Amino acid sequence: MFRPAAFRATLRQAAPKRAFATEAAAENDFIKTRQAIEHHAKDSAELWRKITYALADDHEHHLEHIKEENGGELPERIKYPYFNKREKDFPTAHRVAAV
């Protein structure tokens, strides 16, 4: 009924056995899919970063060209009457404060 202390200590330290494991620690389809998605996202992010910098560079050159044509400053923007037209409040303006 009483076991020696050394035997009890050994039982506590024994690692549990994986008796019902169907696969070892191999990659399954879910893990492969997640890794493929992660790889694609990394490549897509890098592509869009390059596109953004290319467009920003072209836009900067365009602005410099406009400044050069106008004596070193950007021309004043034309204020058309239909731009930024605010005759009445936006329909949901009274609900925004309640949220």
C-alpha atoms as a PDB file:
ATOM      1  CA  MET A   1       0.000   0.000   0.000  1.00  0.00           C
ATOM      2  CA  PHE A   2       2.770   2.434   0.826  1.00  0.00           C
ATOM      3  CA  ARG A   3       5.313   2.978  -1.914  1.00  0.00           C
ATOM      4  CA  PRO A   4       8.852   4.189  -1.336  1.00  0.00           C
ATOM      5  CA  ALA A   5       9.442   7.922  -1.817  1.00  0.00           C
ATOM      6  CA  ALA A   6      11.902   7.332  -4.673  1.00  0.00           C
ATOM      7  CA  PHE A   7       9.277   5.389  -6.644  1.00  0.00           C
ATOM      8  CA  ARG A   8       6.655   8.119  -6.137  1.00  0.00           C
ATOM      9  CA  ALA A   9       9.125  10.787  -7.312  1.00  0.00           C
ATOM     10  CA  THR A  10       9.819   8.780 -10.469  1.00  0.00           C
ATOM     11  CA  LEU A  11       6.127   8.536 -11.271  1.00  0.00           C
ATOM     12  CA  ARG A  12       5.710  12.301 -10.942  1.00  0.00           C
ATOM     13  CA  GLN A  13       8.661  13.042 -13.235  1.00  0.00           C
ATOM     14  CA  ALA A  14       7.775  10.600 -16.016  1.00  0.00           C
ATOM     15  CA  ALA A  15       6.744  12.332 -19.236  1.00  0.00           C
ATOM     16  CA  PRO A  16       3.231  11.536 -20.433  1.00  0.00           C
ATOM     17  CA  LYS A  17       3.067   9.207 -23.424  1.00  0.00           C
ATOM     18  CA  ARG A  18       1.163  10.193 -26.567  1.00  0.00           C
ATOM     19  CA  ALA A  19      -0.697   6.954 -26.970  1.00  0.00           C
ATOM     20  CA  PHE A  20      -3.340   8.028 -29.496  1.00  0.00           C
ATOM     21  CA  ALA A  21      -1.348  10.257 -31.856  1.00  0.00           C
ATOM     22  CA  THR A  22      -2.165   9.478 -35.488  1.00  0.00           C
ATOM     23  CA  GLU A  23       0.678  11.555 -36.922  1.00  0.00           C
ATOM     24  CA  ALA A  24       4.043  12.601 -35.655  1.00  0.00           C
ATOM     25  CA  ALA A  25       4.908  16.289 -35.664  1.00  0.00           C
ATOM     26  CA  ALA A  26       4.617  16.384 -39.462  1.00  0.00           C
ATOM     27  CA  GLU A  27       3.106  19.283 -41.362  1.00  0.00           C
ATOM     28  CA  ASN A  28      -0.521  18.870 -42.252  1.00  0.00           C
ATOM     29  CA  ASP A  29      -2.515  20.652 -44.968  1.00  0.00           C
ATOM     30  CA  PHE A  30      -3.652  23.419 -42.630  1.00  0.00           C
ATOM     31  CA  ILE A  31      -0.100  24.388 -41.698  1.00  0.00           C
ATOM     32  CA  LYS A  32       1.021  24.256 -45.343  1.00  0.00           C
ATOM     33  CA  THR A  33      -1.882  26.483 -46.370  1.00  0.00           C
ATOM     34  CA  ARG A  34      -1.135  29.004 -43.633  1.00  0.00           C
ATOM     35  CA  GLN A  35       2.536  29.129 -44.627  1.00  0.00           C
ATOM     36  CA  ALA A  36       1.598  29.623 -48.296  1.00  0.00           C
ATOM     37  CA  ILE A  37      -0.744  32.479 -47.352  1.00  0.00           C
ATOM     38  CA  GLU A  38       1.949  34.080 -45.196  1.00  0.00           C
ATOM     39  CA  HIS A  39       4.504  33.806 -48.014  1.00  0.00           C
ATOM     40  CA  HIS A  40       2.047  35.308 -50.528  1.00  0.00           C
ATOM     41  CA  ALA A  41       1.197  38.168 -48.158  1.00  0.00           C
ATOM     42  CA  LYS A  42       4.876  38.935 -47.664  1.00  0.00           C
ATOM     43  CA  ASP A  43       5.480  39.059 -51.422  1.00  0.00           C
ATOM     44  CA  SER A  44       2.340  41.141 -52.048  1.00  0.00           C
ATOM     45  CA  ALA A  45       3.270  43.644 -49.358  1.00  0.00           C
ATOM     46  CA  GLU A  46       6.743  44.012 -50.844  1.00  0.00           C
ATOM     47  CA  LEU A  47       5.289  44.544 -54.334  1.00  0.00           C
ATOM     48  CA  TRP A  48       2.863  47.242 -53.164  1.00  0.00           C
ATOM     49  CA  ARG A  49       5.613  48.943 -51.166  1.00  0.00           C
ATOM     50  CA  LYS A  50       7.719  49.190 -54.339  1.00  0.00           C
ATOM     51  CA  ILE A  51       4.746  50.455 -56.371  1.00  0.00           C
ATOM     52  CA  THR A  52       3.972  53.093 -53.741  1.00  0.00           C
ATOM     53  CA  TYR A  53       7.528  54.416 -53.677  1.00  0.00           C
ATOM     54  CA  ALA A  54       7.706  54.462 -57.490  1.00  0.00           C
ATOM     55  CA  LEU A  55       4.481  56.467 -57.756  1.00  0.00           C
ATOM     56  CA  ALA A  56       5.490  58.812 -54.943  1.00  0.00           C
ATOM     57  CA  ASP A  57       8.813  59.454 -56.677  1.00  0.00           C
ATOM     58  CA  ASP A  58       7.079  60.258 -59.979  1.00  0.00           C
ATOM     59  CA  HIS A  59       4.597  62.536 -58.211  1.00  0.00           C
ATOM     60  CA  GLU A  60       7.424  64.386 -56.465  1.00  0.00           C
ATOM     61  CA  HIS A  61       9.122  65.023 -59.831  1.00  0.00           C
ATOM     62  CA  HIS A  62       5.812  66.261 -61.236  1.00  0.00           C
ATOM     63  CA  LEU A  63       5.349  68.698 -58.346  1.00  0.00           C
ATOM     64  CA  GLU A  64       8.904  69.976 -58.807  1.00  0.00           C
ATOM     65  CA  HIS A  65       8.148  70.561 -62.492  1.00  0.00           C
ATOM     66  CA  ILE A  66       4.998  72.538 -61.631  1.00  0.00           C
ATOM     67  CA  LYS A  67       6.950  74.620 -59.088  1.00  0.00           C
ATOM     68  CA  GLU A  68       9.640  75.345 -61.678  1.00  0.00           C
ATOM     69  CA  GLU A  69       7.017  76.553 -64.147  1.00  0.00           C
ATOM     70  CA  ASN A  70       5.484  78.890 -61.523  1.00  0.00           C
ATOM     71  CA  GLY A  71       8.535  80.604 -60.086  1.00  0.00           C
ATOM     72  CA  GLY A  72       9.343  78.129 -57.303  1.00  0.00           C
ATOM     73  CA  GLU A  73       5.887  77.922 -55.700  1.00  0.00           C
ATOM     74  CA  LEU A  74       2.830  75.840 -56.329  1.00  0.00           C
ATOM     75  CA  PRO A  75       0.053  77.780 -58.043  1.00  0.00           C
ATOM     76  CA  GLU A  76      -2.980  78.702 -55.985  1.00  0.00           C
ATOM     77  CA  ARG A  77      -5.731  76.131 -56.244  1.00  0.00           C
ATOM     78  CA  ILE A  78      -8.881  77.178 -58.021  1.00  0.00           C
ATOM     79  CA  LYS A  79     -11.794  77.236 -55.589  1.00  0.00           C
ATOM     80  CA  TYR A  80     -14.756  76.019 -57.559  1.00  0.00           C
ATOM     81  CA  PRO A  81     -18.183  76.658 -55.997  1.00  0.00           C
ATOM     82  CA  TYR A  82     -19.089  72.972 -56.144  1.00  0.00           C
ATOM     83  CA  PHE A  83     -16.012  71.843 -54.172  1.00  0.00           C
ATOM     84  CA  ASN A  84     -16.477  71.357 -50.432  1.00  0.00           C
ATOM     85  CA  LYS A  85     -20.084  72.527 -50.611  1.00  0.00           C
ATOM     86  CA  ARG A  86     -21.776  72.602 -47.198  1.00  0.00           C
ATOM     87  CA  GLU A  87     -25.235  74.117 -47.293  1.00  0.00           C
ATOM     88  CA  LYS A  88     -26.734  71.835 -44.648  1.00  0.00           C
ATOM     89  CA  ASP A  89     -25.554  69.314 -42.071  1.00  0.00           C
ATOM     90  CA  PHE A  90     -24.839  65.777 -43.103  1.00  0.00           C
ATOM     91  CA  PRO A  91     -27.920  63.599 -42.394  1.00  0.00           C
ATOM     92  CA  THR A  92     -26.179  61.507 -39.721  1.00  0.00           C
ATOM     93  CA  ALA A  93     -24.423  64.407 -37.989  1.00  0.00           C
ATOM     94  CA  HIS A  94     -26.805  64.364 -35.012  1.00  0.00           C
ATOM     95  CA  ARG A  95     -26.233  60.611 -34.517  1.00  0.00           C
ATOM     96  CA  VAL A  96     -22.446  60.822 -34.486  1.00  0.00           C
ATOM     97  CA  ALA A  97     -22.309  62.495 -31.064  1.00  0.00           C
ATOM     98  CA  ALA A  98     -24.545  59.798 -29.552  1.00  0.00           C
ATOM     99  CA  VAL A  99     -22.221  57.015 -30.648  1.00  0.00           C
END
